[in-house]
């Protein structure tokens, strides 16, 4: 009886973990710009928002937000 109960608990735990993984994962974001060139000096792409904004961080720690029209809308300098 104990083996059967243990097996059911393990299977239930696995199903619960799988369900939570599916429900809590972040949504996919798709960036959409017709033609956009961002200079390599802006650094690496760190994240993207659903409204098309892209966030880049360079080696000095400066973060730049570029909108869907390829305009730098926000620059954050770190000291």
C-alpha atoms as a PDB file:
ATOM      1  CA  UNK A   1       0.000   0.000   0.000  1.00  0.00           C
ATOM      2  CA  UNK A   2       2.855   2.412   0.758  1.00  0.00           C
ATOM      3  CA  UNK A   3       4.481   1.946  -2.664  1.00  0.00           C
ATOM      4  CA  UNK A   4       1.220   2.775  -4.417  1.00  0.00           C
ATOM      5  CA  UNK A   5       0.636   5.885  -2.319  1.00  0.00           C
ATOM      6  CA  UNK A   6       4.210   7.057  -2.860  1.00  0.00           C
ATOM      7  CA  UNK A   7       3.899   6.563  -6.605  1.00  0.00           C
ATOM      8  CA  UNK A   8       0.656   8.548  -6.738  1.00  0.00           C
ATOM      9  CA  UNK A   9       2.211  11.400  -4.718  1.00  0.00           C
ATOM     10  CA  UNK A  10       5.284  11.502  -6.986  1.00  0.00           C
ATOM     11  CA  UNK A  11       3.149  11.558 -10.151  1.00  0.00           C
ATOM     12  CA  UNK A  12       0.871  14.253  -8.690  1.00  0.00           C
ATOM     13  CA  UNK A  13       3.926  16.351  -7.776  1.00  0.00           C
ATOM     14  CA  UNK A  14       5.356  16.012 -11.266  1.00  0.00           C
ATOM     15  CA  UNK A  15       2.050  17.042 -12.844  1.00  0.00           C
ATOM     16  CA  UNK A  16       1.750  20.012 -10.491  1.00  0.00           C
ATOM     17  CA  UNK A  17       5.308  21.119 -11.306  1.00  0.00           C
ATOM     18  CA  UNK A  18       4.660  20.807 -15.031  1.00  0.00           C
ATOM     19  CA  UNK A  19       1.412  22.802 -14.753  1.00  0.00           C
ATOM     20  CA  UNK A  20       3.116  25.563 -12.743  1.00  0.00           C
ATOM     21  CA  UNK A  21       5.943  25.760 -15.268  1.00  0.00           C
ATOM     22  CA  UNK A  22       3.464  26.289 -18.090  1.00  0.00           C
ATOM     23  CA  UNK A  23       1.426  28.865 -16.192  1.00  0.00           C
ATOM     24  CA  UNK A  24       4.302  30.930 -14.776  1.00  0.00           C
ATOM     25  CA  UNK A  25       6.603  31.188 -17.772  1.00  0.00           C
ATOM     26  CA  UNK A  26       7.101  34.713 -19.141  1.00  0.00           C
ATOM     27  CA  UNK A  27       5.209  35.562 -22.325  1.00  0.00           C
ATOM     28  CA  UNK A  28       7.100  35.585 -25.606  1.00  0.00           C
ATOM     29  CA  UNK A  29       7.883  39.034 -26.934  1.00  0.00           C
ATOM     30  CA  UNK A  30       8.295  39.693 -30.603  1.00  0.00           C
ATOM     31  CA  UNK A  31      10.074  42.858 -31.691  1.00  0.00           C
ATOM     32  CA  UNK A  32       8.803  44.373 -34.908  1.00  0.00           C
ATOM     33  CA  UNK A  33      10.566  47.101 -36.834  1.00  0.00           C
ATOM     34  CA  UNK A  34      10.621  47.461 -40.585  1.00  0.00           C
ATOM     35  CA  UNK A  35      14.233  48.534 -40.935  1.00  0.00           C
ATOM     36  CA  UNK A  36      16.299  49.338 -37.908  1.00  0.00           C
ATOM     37  CA  UNK A  37      20.050  49.568 -37.385  1.00  0.00           C
ATOM     38  CA  UNK A  38      21.379  49.983 -33.887  1.00  0.00           C
ATOM     39  CA  UNK A  39      25.080  50.814 -33.524  1.00  0.00           C
ATOM     40  CA  UNK A  40      27.231  48.107 -31.971  1.00  0.00           C
ATOM     41  CA  UNK A  41      28.459  50.727 -29.505  1.00  0.00           C
ATOM     42  CA  UNK A  42      25.026  50.497 -27.813  1.00  0.00           C
ATOM     43  CA  UNK A  43      26.196  47.094 -26.528  1.00  0.00           C
ATOM     44  CA  UNK A  44      24.290  43.859 -26.066  1.00  0.00           C
ATOM     45  CA  UNK A  45      20.529  43.509 -26.259  1.00  0.00           C
ATOM     46  CA  UNK A  46      19.298  42.892 -22.713  1.00  0.00           C
ATOM     47  CA  UNK A  47      15.519  42.698 -23.090  1.00  0.00           C
ATOM     48  CA  UNK A  48      12.562  43.624 -25.266  1.00  0.00           C
ATOM     49  CA  UNK A  49       9.061  44.807 -24.388  1.00  0.00           C
ATOM     50  CA  UNK A  50       5.802  43.883 -26.063  1.00  0.00           C
ATOM     51  CA  UNK A  51       5.386  47.410 -27.448  1.00  0.00           C
ATOM     52  CA  UNK A  52       8.601  47.039 -29.469  1.00  0.00           C
ATOM     53  CA  UNK A  53      11.093  48.794 -27.197  1.00  0.00           C
ATOM     54  CA  UNK A  54      14.551  47.211 -27.107  1.00  0.00           C
ATOM     55  CA  UNK A  55      16.981  47.734 -24.214  1.00  0.00           C
ATOM     56  CA  UNK A  56      20.743  47.665 -24.800  1.00  0.00           C
ATOM     57  CA  UNK A  57      23.589  47.852 -22.270  1.00  0.00           C
ATOM     58  CA  UNK A  58      27.124  48.797 -23.269  1.00  0.00           C
ATOM     59  CA  UNK A  59      30.398  47.899 -21.538  1.00  0.00           C
ATOM     60  CA  UNK A  60      30.290  51.058 -19.389  1.00  0.00           C
ATOM     61  CA  UNK A  61      26.887  50.096 -17.992  1.00  0.00           C
ATOM     62  CA  UNK A  62      24.898  52.673 -19.976  1.00  0.00           C
ATOM     63  CA  UNK A  63      21.408  51.381 -20.755  1.00  0.00           C
ATOM     64  CA  UNK A  64      19.582  52.702 -23.825  1.00  0.00           C
ATOM     65  CA  UNK A  65      15.937  52.147 -24.713  1.00  0.00           C
ATOM     66  CA  UNK A  66      15.205  52.126 -28.445  1.00  0.00           C
ATOM     67  CA  UNK A  67      11.585  52.285 -29.598  1.00  0.00           C
ATOM     68  CA  UNK A  68       9.997  50.586 -32.609  1.00  0.00           C
ATOM     69  CA  UNK A  69      10.893  53.595 -34.792  1.00  0.00           C
ATOM     70  CA  UNK A  70      14.625  53.144 -33.973  1.00  0.00           C
ATOM     71  CA  UNK A  71      14.754  56.270 -31.811  1.00  0.00           C
ATOM     72  CA  UNK A  72      16.650  56.314 -28.522  1.00  0.00           C
ATOM     73  CA  UNK A  73      13.936  57.279 -26.041  1.00  0.00           C
ATOM     74  CA  UNK A  74      15.752  56.769 -22.754  1.00  0.00           C
ATOM     75  CA  UNK A  75      19.387  56.688 -21.639  1.00  0.00           C
ATOM     76  CA  UNK A  76      20.355  55.571 -18.151  1.00  0.00           C
ATOM     77  CA  UNK A  77      23.922  56.263 -17.012  1.00  0.00           C
ATOM     78  CA  UNK A  78      25.356  54.241 -14.145  1.00  0.00           C
ATOM     79  CA  UNK A  79      28.185  55.376 -11.918  1.00  0.00           C
END
